[in-house]
Every structure is written in C-alpha cells, then in structure tokens.
Protein backbone atom coordinates (compact mmCIF):
# COMPACT_ATOMS: atom_id res chain seq x y z
CA UNK A 1 16.12 106.29 85.20
CA UNK A 2 16.09 106.96 88.79
CA UNK A 3 17.19 110.08 90.50
CA UNK A 4 19.44 109.71 93.50
CA UNK A 5 19.45 112.19 96.35
CA UNK A 6 23.01 112.88 97.37
CA UNK A 7 22.50 115.62 99.86
CA UNK A 8 21.11 118.18 97.52
CA UNK A 9 22.93 116.99 94.40
CA UNK A 10 20.92 114.97 92.04
CA UNK A 11 22.81 112.48 89.96
CA UNK A 12 20.70 111.15 87.15
CA UNK A 13 21.04 107.62 86.01
CA UNK A 14 22.90 106.29 89.02
CA UNK A 15 21.67 104.25 91.81
CA UNK A 16 22.92 104.35 95.37
CA UNK A 17 24.42 100.92 94.78
CA UNK A 18 26.46 102.24 91.82
CA UNK A 19 27.69 105.16 93.84
CA UNK A 20 28.60 102.91 96.78
CA UNK A 21 30.49 100.50 94.49
CA UNK A 22 32.36 103.37 92.87
CA UNK A 23 33.19 104.87 96.26
CA UNK A 24 34.32 101.46 97.48
CA UNK A 25 36.57 101.07 94.42
CA UNK A 26 38.06 104.53 95.00
CA UNK A 27 38.63 103.72 98.68
CA UNK A 28 40.31 100.42 97.68
CA UNK A 29 42.49 102.25 95.14
CA UNK A 30 43.40 104.86 97.76
CA UNK A 31 44.18 102.05 100.21
CA UNK A 32 46.41 100.37 97.64
CA UNK A 33 48.18 103.69 96.98
CA UNK A 34 48.59 104.21 100.72
CA UNK A 35 50.01 100.69 101.04
CA UNK A 36 52.48 101.32 98.21
CA UNK A 37 53.45 104.64 99.77
CA UNK A 38 53.99 102.94 103.15
CA UNK A 39 56.14 100.27 101.49
CA UNK A 40 58.24 102.95 99.76
CA UNK A 41 58.55 104.90 102.99
CA UNK A 42 59.69 101.75 104.82
CA UNK A 43 62.24 101.00 102.08
CA UNK A 44 63.48 104.59 102.22
CA UNK A 45 63.75 104.38 106.01
CA UNK A 46 65.74 101.14 105.81
CA UNK A 47 68.01 102.57 103.11
CA UNK A 48 68.54 105.71 105.16
CA UNK A 49 69.38 103.57 108.18
CA UNK A 50 71.89 101.54 106.15
CA UNK A 51 73.45 104.71 104.72
CA UNK A 52 73.70 106.27 108.18
CA UNK A 53 75.43 103.14 109.46
CA UNK A 54 77.84 103.13 106.51
CA UNK A 55 78.60 106.84 107.03
CA UNK A 56 79.30 106.28 110.72
CA UNK A 57 81.66 103.45 109.83
CA UNK A 58 83.36 105.60 107.18
CA UNK A 59 83.76 108.42 109.71
CA UNK A 60 85.36 106.00 112.17
CA UNK A 61 87.69 104.70 109.46
CA UNK A 62 88.49 108.26 108.41
CA UNK A 63 89.34 109.19 112.01
CA UNK A 64 91.63 106.15 112.29
CA UNK A 65 93.36 107.04 109.01
CA UNK A 66 93.82 110.65 110.12
CA UNK A 67 95.39 109.50 113.38
CA UNK A 68 97.72 107.15 111.49
CA UNK A 69 98.67 109.90 109.03
CA UNK A 70 99.43 112.30 111.88
CA UNK A 71 101.61 109.67 113.59
CA UNK A 72 103.48 108.99 110.33
CA UNK A 73 103.94 112.71 109.77
CA UNK A 74 105.41 113.09 113.26
CA UNK A 75 107.79 110.19 112.57
CA UNK A 76 108.87 111.77 109.28
CA UNK A 77 109.48 115.09 111.01
CA UNK A 78 111.59 113.36 113.66
CA UNK A 79 113.60 111.37 111.10
CA UNK A 80 114.28 114.37 108.88
CA UNK A 81 115.13 116.89 111.59
CA UNK A 82 118.51 118.64 111.51
CA UNK A 83 119.47 117.03 114.82
CA UNK A 84 118.71 113.52 113.60
CA UNK A 85 120.61 114.02 110.34
CA UNK A 86 123.61 115.52 112.16
CA UNK A 87 123.69 112.66 114.67
CA UNK A 88 123.48 110.12 111.83
CA UNK A 89 126.29 111.81 109.90
CA UNK A 90 128.56 112.10 112.95
CA UNK A 91 127.88 108.47 113.92
CA UNK A 92 128.65 107.32 110.38
CA UNK A 93 131.86 109.34 110.22
CA UNK A 94 133.01 108.00 113.59
CA UNK A 95 132.33 104.45 112.47
CA UNK A 96 134.16 105.06 109.18
CA UNK A 97 137.10 106.61 111.03
CA UNK A 98 137.35 103.53 113.26
CA UNK A 99 137.35 101.22 110.25
CA UNK A 100 139.82 103.49 108.44
CA UNK A 101 142.29 103.43 111.33
CA UNK A 102 141.92 99.68 111.70
CA UNK A 103 142.49 99.20 107.95
CA UNK A 104 145.64 101.35 107.90
CA UNK A 105 146.98 99.73 111.04
CA UNK A 106 146.18 96.29 109.66
CA UNK A 107 147.85 97.14 106.35
CA UNK A 108 150.96 98.38 108.17
CA UNK A 109 151.10 95.19 110.26
CA UNK A 110 150.72 93.02 107.15
CA UNK A 111 153.35 95.03 105.31
CA UNK A 112 155.77 94.50 108.19
CA UNK A 113 155.25 90.72 108.06
CA UNK A 114 155.00 90.07 104.34
CA UNK A 115 157.25 91.32 101.57
CA UNK A 116 154.51 90.76 98.96
CA UNK A 117 152.11 93.00 100.84
CA UNK A 118 154.85 95.60 101.28
CA UNK A 119 155.62 95.44 97.55
CA UNK A 120 151.96 95.89 96.49
CA UNK A 121 150.87 98.12 99.37
CA UNK A 122 150.36 101.06 97.01
CA UNK A 123 147.76 99.03 95.09
CA UNK A 124 146.14 97.57 98.21
CA UNK A 125 145.90 100.82 100.15
CA UNK A 126 142.27 101.56 99.22
CA UNK A 127 141.04 97.98 98.92
CA UNK A 128 139.81 97.49 102.51
CA UNK A 129 137.87 100.73 102.36
CA UNK A 130 136.22 99.96 99.04
CA UNK A 131 135.44 96.35 99.95
CA UNK A 132 134.01 97.12 103.39
CA UNK A 133 132.18 100.21 102.15
CA UNK A 134 130.65 98.41 99.18
CA UNK A 135 129.66 95.38 101.24
CA UNK A 136 128.24 97.58 104.00
CA UNK A 137 126.22 99.67 101.56
CA UNK A 138 124.86 96.57 99.82
CA UNK A 139 123.89 95.09 103.20
CA UNK A 140 122.03 98.29 104.13
CA UNK A 141 120.15 98.27 100.82
CA UNK A 142 119.13 94.63 101.29
CA UNK A 143 118.07 95.34 104.87
CA UNK A 144 115.95 98.32 103.79
CA UNK A 145 114.25 96.36 101.03
CA UNK A 146 113.26 93.63 103.48
CA UNK A 147 112.06 95.81 106.36
CA UNK A 148 110.53 98.82 104.62
CA UNK A 149 109.72 102.02 106.48
CA UNK A 150 112.31 104.03 108.31
CA UNK A 151 115.57 102.30 109.26
CA UNK A 152 116.98 102.42 112.76
CA UNK A 153 119.62 104.95 113.75
CA UNK A 154 122.28 102.21 113.64
CA UNK A 155 121.34 101.26 110.06
CA UNK A 156 121.42 104.91 108.99
CA UNK A 157 124.85 105.35 110.62
CA UNK A 158 126.12 102.17 108.93
CA UNK A 159 124.95 103.55 105.58
CA UNK A 160 126.80 106.82 106.20
CA UNK A 161 129.93 104.90 107.25
CA UNK A 162 129.73 102.81 104.08
CA UNK A 163 129.53 105.96 101.96
CA UNK A 164 132.54 107.49 103.73
CA UNK A 165 134.55 104.28 103.34
CA UNK A 166 133.82 104.14 99.62
CA UNK A 167 134.97 107.73 99.25
CA UNK A 168 138.10 107.08 101.35
CA UNK A 169 139.02 104.01 99.29
CA UNK A 170 138.46 105.79 96.00
CA UNK A 171 140.44 108.82 97.15
CA UNK A 172 143.31 106.59 98.33
CA UNK A 173 143.47 105.06 94.85
CA UNK A 174 143.24 108.49 93.25
CA UNK A 175 146.09 109.83 95.41
CA UNK A 176 148.18 106.81 94.58
CA UNK A 177 147.49 107.23 90.86
CA UNK A 178 148.39 110.93 90.98
CA UNK A 179 151.61 110.39 92.93
CA UNK A 180 154.70 111.13 90.85
CA UNK A 181 157.20 108.28 91.06
CA UNK A 182 160.94 108.70 90.57
C-alpha cells in the first residue's frame, strides 16, 4: 500500500487518483445540490412574484369594494333621513288627498245623475279609495320587484298615497257600518 502525502496528512491505502475521484464526486454532488437549491429558489421567487401580483389585485378589488360600500352607505343614509321620510309622507298624503277629493266629488256627481248610485252610495263610498289604493300598492310592489334597489321619490310617495287611500276606504266602510239608521 502506498502512502499519499496530503500536505502533512498521510492517508494510507489511497492513491492520489482515488482522492481526486472522491473529491470530484463530492464536487459533482455539491454542484447538483447547488443546482437543486437554485431551482427551488427560482420556483420560490416565481411563486412570491405571483402571490405579490395576486395580493396587489386583491388590494385593488378591496379598495373598489370599500368605495362602493361607502357610496351605498351614503345613499342609505340619504334615503332614511328624517327629511326624506317626512317629504315622502307629505307627498303621499297630498296625493291621497287629491284622489280622495276627486273620488268624493266624482261620487257626488254620479249620485246626482243616477238614482242607482244615489241608492247604493253608502256601500260605494269607500270603493274608489280601496280600489285605487290596492291597485296603486300592487303596482308599487311589482315595480320594486323589477327594479331592485331604492325606489325614486315618486314611487315612495305613490306607495304612501296607496296606504292612505286603503285606510281612507276602510275607514269610510267602517263609519258606514257603525252609523245608526232610523
């Protein structure tokens, strides 16, 4: 067996060729490990880049959603304010009053022309209110189901008017039913 001089260390039984082959194999293994590490680092870099891009897009979407939510919140606050509700109620009552006066005037004109209407006027007194109120309320409900969202001020006032007309018609029938006849 030969002795190899390795800078002061003697390794028995190995030749310089064996040591060089072993060193070459270790260098190749280290090169392969370095290559695998580089591939993993590149994959991690690409994944990080994709995640950063997705996060930026999510932040942009989040900002858009926040702006939309703030706009919707402002709209809700406007539509539910005391001023808006009062204006809607007053508009609805004014509309109902106009229909009420027209119905009573129309009923009086019909009663003056027709004896049948005059004879059954007590039973017909609340009919225009109930019919117009019910039809108006149904129309508002159909309109809301088709459009979605907040209705216009006119639609809200029409809904209030329909409610008032229904109450007026029902109260006219109730008064007539409670009236004592001689």
